[in-house]
């Protein structure tokens, strides 16, 4: 298993709510979490639930308030896959439940969806070596 450590850096985030004018911060909490990679076709990934679910807090600027924080918690399981390329670790349309923050700024329902890709993945048990898909 591969461990997701803190801090997990987010390089870009968007929100499509009509009153949102920008994303000013993103923080991933309840780390570390573990990724399990299964040696099958498309190398499926799954975030293995830890003692506390993965959470993402997004700070937004809006037309009605200078700062609104929306906190989402991962639905279980959070699944993805690996592939070749510059960002081979991918999660597409994974459900995250809104646990704090106002609607409709934080979405139109209690669920939002995360799509993310990232790289590199570093194996800290191997001296910080990059993990590759081949």
N, C-alpha and C. Protein backbone atom coordinates (compact mmCIF):
# COMPACT_ATOMS: atom_id res chain seq x y z
N UNK A 1 0.83 -1.17 0.00
CA UNK A 1 0.00 0.00 0.00
C UNK A 1 0.88 1.24 0.00
N UNK A 2 0.33 2.30 -0.55
CA UNK A 2 1.02 3.57 -0.65
C UNK A 2 0.33 4.54 0.29
N UNK A 3 1.10 5.30 1.05
CA UNK A 3 0.53 6.22 2.02
C UNK A 3 0.47 7.63 1.44
N UNK A 4 -0.71 8.27 1.52
CA UNK A 4 -0.86 9.67 1.16
C UNK A 4 -0.53 10.48 2.40
N UNK A 5 0.49 11.33 2.30
CA UNK A 5 0.98 12.07 3.46
C UNK A 5 0.49 13.50 3.45
N UNK A 6 0.61 14.15 4.60
CA UNK A 6 0.27 15.54 4.73
C UNK A 6 1.56 16.35 4.62
N UNK A 7 1.69 17.39 3.85
CA UNK A 7 0.61 17.99 3.10
C UNK A 7 0.45 17.34 1.72
N UNK A 8 -0.79 17.27 1.27
CA UNK A 8 -1.11 16.85 -0.10
C UNK A 8 -1.42 18.13 -0.84
N UNK A 9 -0.62 18.49 -1.83
CA UNK A 9 -0.73 19.78 -2.50
C UNK A 9 -1.76 19.72 -3.62
N UNK A 10 -2.66 20.70 -3.64
CA UNK A 10 -3.66 20.84 -4.69
C UNK A 10 -3.21 22.01 -5.56
N UNK A 11 -3.02 21.78 -6.85
CA UNK A 11 -2.51 22.85 -7.72
C UNK A 11 -3.61 23.66 -8.38
N UNK A 12 -4.83 23.12 -8.49
CA UNK A 12 -5.92 23.86 -9.12
C UNK A 12 -7.24 23.30 -8.60
N UNK A 13 -8.23 24.19 -8.46
CA UNK A 13 -9.55 23.79 -8.01
C UNK A 13 -10.55 24.75 -8.61
N UNK A 14 -11.69 24.27 -9.06
CA UNK A 14 -12.72 25.13 -9.61
C UNK A 14 -14.04 24.83 -8.91
N UNK A 15 -14.92 25.83 -8.91
CA UNK A 15 -16.27 25.71 -8.38
C UNK A 15 -17.18 26.38 -9.40
N UNK A 16 -18.26 25.71 -9.77
CA UNK A 16 -19.11 26.27 -10.83
C UNK A 16 -20.40 26.89 -10.29
N UNK A 17 -20.49 27.16 -8.99
CA UNK A 17 -21.66 27.84 -8.44
C UNK A 17 -21.70 29.28 -8.97
N UNK A 18 -22.88 29.78 -9.33
CA UNK A 18 -22.97 31.12 -9.94
C UNK A 18 -22.47 32.26 -9.07
N UNK A 19 -22.53 32.14 -7.74
CA UNK A 19 -22.09 33.23 -6.86
C UNK A 19 -20.62 33.16 -6.49
N UNK A 20 -19.92 32.10 -6.89
CA UNK A 20 -18.51 31.94 -6.55
C UNK A 20 -17.66 32.72 -7.55
N UNK A 21 -16.77 33.58 -7.01
CA UNK A 21 -15.88 34.36 -7.86
C UNK A 21 -14.46 33.80 -7.90
N UNK A 22 -14.14 32.89 -6.97
CA UNK A 22 -12.82 32.29 -6.99
C UNK A 22 -12.61 31.31 -5.86
N UNK A 23 -11.63 30.45 -6.05
CA UNK A 23 -11.20 29.51 -5.01
C UNK A 23 -9.92 30.08 -4.42
N UNK A 24 -9.92 30.36 -3.11
CA UNK A 24 -8.76 30.99 -2.50
C UNK A 24 -7.92 30.03 -1.66
N UNK A 25 -8.44 28.84 -1.42
CA UNK A 25 -7.65 27.87 -0.66
C UNK A 25 -8.28 26.49 -0.67
N UNK A 26 -7.42 25.49 -0.56
CA UNK A 26 -7.87 24.09 -0.48
C UNK A 26 -6.97 23.38 0.52
N UNK A 27 -7.58 22.67 1.45
CA UNK A 27 -6.81 21.90 2.43
C UNK A 27 -7.37 20.49 2.50
N UNK A 28 -6.49 19.51 2.46
CA UNK A 28 -6.88 18.11 2.59
C UNK A 28 -6.56 17.71 4.03
N UNK A 29 -7.55 17.14 4.73
CA UNK A 29 -7.35 16.77 6.12
C UNK A 29 -7.61 15.29 6.34
N UNK A 30 -7.32 14.87 7.54
CA UNK A 30 -7.40 13.46 7.94
C UNK A 30 -6.40 12.59 7.19
N UNK A 31 -5.23 13.17 6.95
CA UNK A 31 -4.14 12.41 6.37
C UNK A 31 -3.27 11.92 7.52
N UNK A 32 -2.52 10.86 7.42
CA UNK A 32 -2.32 10.09 6.19
C UNK A 32 -3.49 9.15 5.90
N UNK A 33 -3.65 8.86 4.62
CA UNK A 33 -4.57 7.84 4.12
C UNK A 33 -3.71 6.89 3.30
N UNK A 34 -4.24 5.73 2.99
CA UNK A 34 -3.49 4.74 2.21
C UNK A 34 -4.17 4.48 0.89
N UNK A 35 -3.36 4.32 -0.16
CA UNK A 35 -3.83 3.92 -1.48
C UNK A 35 -3.47 2.48 -1.69
N UNK A 36 -4.42 1.71 -2.14
CA UNK A 36 -4.16 0.32 -2.50
C UNK A 36 -4.21 0.23 -4.02
N UNK A 37 -3.16 -0.31 -4.62
CA UNK A 37 -3.10 -0.50 -6.07
C UNK A 37 -3.25 -1.99 -6.34
N UNK A 38 -4.21 -2.35 -7.17
CA UNK A 38 -4.49 -3.74 -7.47
C UNK A 38 -3.87 -4.10 -8.81
N UNK A 39 -3.08 -5.16 -8.87
CA UNK A 39 -2.38 -5.56 -10.09
C UNK A 39 -3.31 -6.23 -11.09
N UNK A 40 -4.23 -5.47 -11.64
CA UNK A 40 -5.17 -5.97 -12.65
C UNK A 40 -5.22 -4.95 -13.78
N UNK A 41 -5.96 -5.25 -14.85
CA UNK A 41 -6.08 -4.34 -15.97
C UNK A 41 -6.46 -2.95 -15.50
N UNK A 42 -5.85 -1.93 -16.00
CA UNK A 42 -5.97 -0.50 -15.67
C UNK A 42 -5.54 -0.19 -14.25
N UNK A 43 -4.97 -1.15 -13.53
CA UNK A 43 -4.43 -0.95 -12.19
C UNK A 43 -5.35 -0.08 -11.32
N UNK A 44 -6.49 -0.63 -10.89
CA UNK A 44 -7.41 0.16 -10.07
C UNK A 44 -6.77 0.60 -8.76
N UNK A 45 -7.17 1.79 -8.31
CA UNK A 45 -6.73 2.37 -7.05
C UNK A 45 -7.93 2.46 -6.12
N UNK A 46 -7.68 2.39 -4.84
CA UNK A 46 -8.72 2.66 -3.87
C UNK A 46 -8.09 3.29 -2.64
N UNK A 47 -8.72 4.37 -2.15
CA UNK A 47 -8.26 4.95 -0.89
C UNK A 47 -8.87 4.08 0.21
N UNK A 48 -8.00 3.46 0.97
CA UNK A 48 -8.42 2.58 2.05
C UNK A 48 -8.85 3.45 3.23
N UNK A 49 -10.09 3.30 3.70
CA UNK A 49 -10.53 4.15 4.81
C UNK A 49 -9.63 4.01 6.03
N UNK A 50 -9.22 5.15 6.57
CA UNK A 50 -8.39 5.18 7.76
C UNK A 50 -9.25 5.39 8.99
N UNK A 51 -8.64 5.82 10.08
CA UNK A 51 -9.42 6.06 11.29
C UNK A 51 -10.48 7.15 11.09
N UNK A 52 -10.20 8.11 10.21
CA UNK A 52 -11.16 9.17 9.89
C UNK A 52 -11.20 9.32 8.37
N UNK A 53 -12.37 9.60 7.80
CA UNK A 53 -12.48 9.74 6.34
C UNK A 53 -11.70 10.94 5.80
N UNK A 54 -11.24 10.81 4.58
CA UNK A 54 -10.55 11.90 3.89
C UNK A 54 -11.50 13.09 3.78
N UNK A 55 -11.01 14.29 4.09
CA UNK A 55 -11.82 15.50 3.98
C UNK A 55 -11.08 16.54 3.16
N UNK A 56 -11.87 17.37 2.47
CA UNK A 56 -11.32 18.49 1.71
C UNK A 56 -12.09 19.74 2.11
N UNK A 57 -11.37 20.76 2.56
CA UNK A 57 -11.97 22.06 2.91
C UNK A 57 -11.58 23.05 1.82
N UNK A 58 -12.58 23.67 1.20
CA UNK A 58 -12.36 24.61 0.11
C UNK A 58 -12.81 25.99 0.57
N UNK A 59 -11.92 26.98 0.47
CA UNK A 59 -12.26 28.35 0.82
C UNK A 59 -12.57 29.10 -0.47
N UNK A 60 -13.77 29.70 -0.50
CA UNK A 60 -14.26 30.36 -1.71
C UNK A 60 -14.48 31.84 -1.46
N UNK A 61 -14.24 32.66 -2.49
CA UNK A 61 -14.70 34.05 -2.45
C UNK A 61 -15.99 34.08 -3.28
N UNK A 62 -16.95 34.86 -2.81
CA UNK A 62 -18.26 34.89 -3.47
C UNK A 62 -18.73 36.32 -3.66
N UNK A 63 -19.83 36.46 -4.39
CA UNK A 63 -20.41 37.79 -4.59
C UNK A 63 -21.12 38.27 -3.33
N UNK A 64 -21.41 37.38 -2.40
CA UNK A 64 -22.15 37.74 -1.18
C UNK A 64 -21.29 37.75 0.08
N UNK A 65 -20.12 37.11 0.06
CA UNK A 65 -19.25 37.07 1.24
C UNK A 65 -17.80 36.96 0.78
N UNK A 66 -16.88 37.64 1.51
CA UNK A 66 -15.47 37.57 1.10
C UNK A 66 -14.85 36.20 1.26
N UNK A 67 -15.41 35.37 2.18
CA UNK A 67 -14.81 34.06 2.41
C UNK A 67 -15.86 33.08 2.93
N UNK A 68 -16.00 31.95 2.25
CA UNK A 68 -16.91 30.89 2.66
C UNK A 68 -16.11 29.59 2.62
N UNK A 69 -16.22 28.77 3.67
CA UNK A 69 -15.51 27.50 3.71
C UNK A 69 -16.53 26.37 3.55
N UNK A 70 -16.27 25.50 2.58
CA UNK A 70 -17.08 24.32 2.33
C UNK A 70 -16.22 23.10 2.65
N UNK A 71 -16.71 22.23 3.53
CA UNK A 71 -15.94 21.05 3.91
C UNK A 71 -16.68 19.81 3.42
N UNK A 72 -15.95 18.97 2.71
CA UNK A 72 -16.51 17.76 2.11
C UNK A 72 -15.79 16.54 2.68
N UNK A 73 -16.52 15.45 2.81
CA UNK A 73 -15.96 14.20 3.31
C UNK A 73 -16.13 13.12 2.25
N UNK A 74 -15.08 12.34 2.05
CA UNK A 74 -15.09 11.31 1.01
C UNK A 74 -16.14 10.25 1.32
N UNK A 75 -16.87 9.88 0.28
CA UNK A 75 -17.75 8.71 0.38
C UNK A 75 -16.85 7.49 0.25
N UNK A 76 -17.26 6.40 0.84
CA UNK A 76 -16.44 5.19 0.81
C UNK A 76 -17.07 4.22 -0.17
N UNK A 77 -16.34 3.61 -1.06
CA UNK A 77 -14.91 3.79 -1.29
C UNK A 77 -14.64 4.92 -2.27
N UNK A 78 -13.44 5.47 -2.21
CA UNK A 78 -12.96 6.43 -3.20
C UNK A 78 -12.04 5.64 -4.12
N UNK A 79 -12.44 5.53 -5.37
CA UNK A 79 -11.73 4.64 -6.30
C UNK A 79 -11.23 5.40 -7.51
N UNK A 80 -10.17 4.89 -8.10
CA UNK A 80 -9.60 5.48 -9.31
C UNK A 80 -8.81 4.44 -10.06
N UNK A 81 -7.91 4.92 -10.92
CA UNK A 81 -7.04 3.99 -11.64
C UNK A 81 -5.73 4.69 -11.99
N UNK A 82 -4.82 3.90 -12.48
CA UNK A 82 -3.54 4.42 -12.91
C UNK A 82 -3.42 4.25 -14.41
N UNK A 83 -2.57 5.05 -15.01
CA UNK A 83 -2.35 4.98 -16.45
C UNK A 83 -0.97 5.56 -16.73
N UNK A 84 -0.53 5.43 -17.95
CA UNK A 84 0.73 6.05 -18.36
C UNK A 84 0.51 7.53 -18.59
N UNK A 85 1.54 8.34 -18.47
CA UNK A 85 1.43 9.76 -18.74
C UNK A 85 1.99 10.59 -17.61
N UNK A 86 1.82 11.92 -17.72
CA UNK A 86 2.43 12.83 -16.76
C UNK A 86 1.69 12.86 -15.42
N UNK A 87 0.42 12.52 -15.37
CA UNK A 87 -0.35 12.45 -14.12
C UNK A 87 -1.08 11.12 -14.08
N UNK A 88 -0.38 10.05 -13.78
CA UNK A 88 -0.95 8.73 -13.97
C UNK A 88 -1.92 8.26 -12.88
N UNK A 89 -2.02 8.96 -11.76
CA UNK A 89 -2.89 8.53 -10.66
C UNK A 89 -4.16 9.35 -10.74
N UNK A 90 -5.31 8.70 -11.05
CA UNK A 90 -6.53 9.45 -11.37
C UNK A 90 -7.74 8.98 -10.57
N UNK A 91 -8.54 9.96 -10.17
CA UNK A 91 -9.84 9.73 -9.57
C UNK A 91 -10.83 10.57 -10.37
N UNK A 92 -11.93 9.98 -10.83
CA UNK A 92 -12.89 10.68 -11.68
C UNK A 92 -14.28 10.59 -11.04
N UNK A 93 -14.91 11.77 -10.86
CA UNK A 93 -16.28 11.88 -10.36
C UNK A 93 -16.52 11.07 -9.09
N UNK A 94 -15.64 11.23 -8.12
CA UNK A 94 -15.80 10.54 -6.84
C UNK A 94 -16.64 11.40 -5.89
N UNK A 95 -17.66 10.79 -5.28
CA UNK A 95 -18.59 11.52 -4.43
C UNK A 95 -17.94 11.96 -3.13
N UNK A 96 -18.17 13.22 -2.77
CA UNK A 96 -17.79 13.78 -1.49
C UNK A 96 -19.03 14.46 -0.91
N UNK A 97 -19.34 14.13 0.32
CA UNK A 97 -20.55 14.64 0.99
C UNK A 97 -20.22 15.94 1.71
N UNK A 98 -21.06 16.96 1.52
CA UNK A 98 -20.89 18.24 2.20
C UNK A 98 -21.20 18.06 3.68
N UNK A 99 -20.23 18.37 4.56
CA UNK A 99 -20.48 18.25 6.00
C UNK A 99 -20.56 19.61 6.69
N UNK A 100 -20.07 20.68 6.03
CA UNK A 100 -20.29 22.03 6.55
C UNK A 100 -20.12 23.03 5.42
N UNK A 101 -20.90 24.09 5.50
CA UNK A 101 -20.88 25.13 4.48
C UNK A 101 -22.27 25.31 3.90
N UNK A 102 -22.55 26.53 3.41
CA UNK A 102 -23.89 26.86 2.94
C UNK A 102 -24.17 26.42 1.50
N UNK A 103 -25.40 25.95 1.29
CA UNK A 103 -25.90 25.75 -0.07
C UNK A 103 -26.51 27.08 -0.49
N UNK A 104 -26.48 27.52 -1.71
CA UNK A 104 -25.98 26.85 -2.89
C UNK A 104 -24.51 27.15 -3.19
N UNK A 105 -23.83 27.93 -2.32
CA UNK A 105 -22.42 28.25 -2.58
C UNK A 105 -21.58 26.98 -2.64
N UNK A 106 -21.85 26.03 -1.75
CA UNK A 106 -21.06 24.80 -1.67
C UNK A 106 -21.65 23.68 -2.53
N UNK A 107 -22.53 24.03 -3.45
CA UNK A 107 -23.14 23.04 -4.34
C UNK A 107 -24.65 23.14 -4.28
N UNK A 108 -25.30 22.45 -5.17
CA UNK A 108 -26.76 22.51 -5.23
C UNK A 108 -27.41 21.38 -4.45
N UNK A 109 -26.58 20.44 -3.97
CA UNK A 109 -27.09 19.34 -3.15
C UNK A 109 -26.05 19.05 -2.08
N UNK A 110 -26.26 18.04 -1.30
CA UNK A 110 -25.31 17.68 -0.26
C UNK A 110 -24.13 16.89 -0.76
N UNK A 111 -24.04 16.65 -2.07
CA UNK A 111 -22.94 15.86 -2.63
C UNK A 111 -22.26 16.63 -3.76
N UNK A 112 -20.94 16.64 -3.75
CA UNK A 112 -20.14 17.19 -4.84
C UNK A 112 -19.23 16.08 -5.33
N UNK A 113 -18.59 16.31 -6.48
CA UNK A 113 -17.79 15.25 -7.10
C UNK A 113 -16.38 15.74 -7.36
N UNK A 114 -15.42 14.91 -6.99
CA UNK A 114 -14.00 15.21 -7.15
C UNK A 114 -13.46 14.48 -8.36
N UNK A 115 -12.77 15.23 -9.20
CA UNK A 115 -11.97 14.63 -10.27
C UNK A 115 -10.56 15.15 -10.06
N UNK A 116 -9.61 14.24 -9.93
CA UNK A 116 -8.24 14.65 -9.64
C UNK A 116 -7.26 13.71 -10.31
N UNK A 117 -6.11 14.25 -10.66
CA UNK A 117 -4.99 13.43 -11.11
C UNK A 117 -3.75 14.01 -10.46
N UNK A 118 -2.80 13.15 -10.19
CA UNK A 118 -1.61 13.66 -9.53
C UNK A 118 -0.40 12.81 -9.83
N UNK A 119 0.74 13.45 -9.59
CA UNK A 119 2.03 12.83 -9.78
C UNK A 119 3.06 13.81 -9.24
N UNK A 120 4.18 13.43 -8.77
CA UNK A 120 4.61 12.04 -8.64
C UNK A 120 4.08 11.43 -7.35
N UNK A 121 4.08 10.12 -7.32
CA UNK A 121 3.82 9.38 -6.10
C UNK A 121 5.17 8.90 -5.62
N UNK A 122 5.48 9.18 -4.35
CA UNK A 122 6.80 8.89 -3.80
C UNK A 122 6.67 7.80 -2.75
N UNK A 123 7.53 6.82 -2.84
CA UNK A 123 7.56 5.72 -1.87
C UNK A 123 8.55 6.08 -0.77
N UNK A 124 8.02 6.54 0.38
CA UNK A 124 8.90 6.94 1.48
C UNK A 124 9.61 5.75 2.11
N UNK A 125 9.07 4.53 1.93
CA UNK A 125 9.74 3.35 2.49
C UNK A 125 10.93 2.94 1.63
N UNK A 126 11.06 3.51 0.43
CA UNK A 126 12.18 3.20 -0.47
C UNK A 126 13.06 4.44 -0.64
N UNK A 127 13.18 5.23 0.41
CA UNK A 127 14.07 6.38 0.35
C UNK A 127 13.56 7.53 -0.49
N UNK A 128 12.25 7.61 -0.71
CA UNK A 128 11.69 8.70 -1.49
C UNK A 128 11.70 8.47 -3.00
N UNK A 129 11.79 7.22 -3.41
CA UNK A 129 11.80 6.91 -4.85
C UNK A 129 10.41 7.12 -5.45
N UNK A 130 10.37 7.60 -6.69
CA UNK A 130 9.10 7.75 -7.40
C UNK A 130 8.51 6.37 -7.70
N UNK A 131 7.16 6.29 -7.65
CA UNK A 131 6.45 5.06 -8.00
C UNK A 131 5.96 5.23 -9.43
N UNK A 132 6.28 4.29 -10.30
CA UNK A 132 5.90 4.36 -11.70
C UNK A 132 4.92 3.26 -12.06
N UNK A 133 4.11 3.53 -13.09
CA UNK A 133 3.20 2.53 -13.65
C UNK A 133 3.87 2.02 -14.92
N UNK A 134 3.95 0.69 -15.06
CA UNK A 134 4.54 0.17 -16.29
C UNK A 134 3.77 -0.99 -16.83
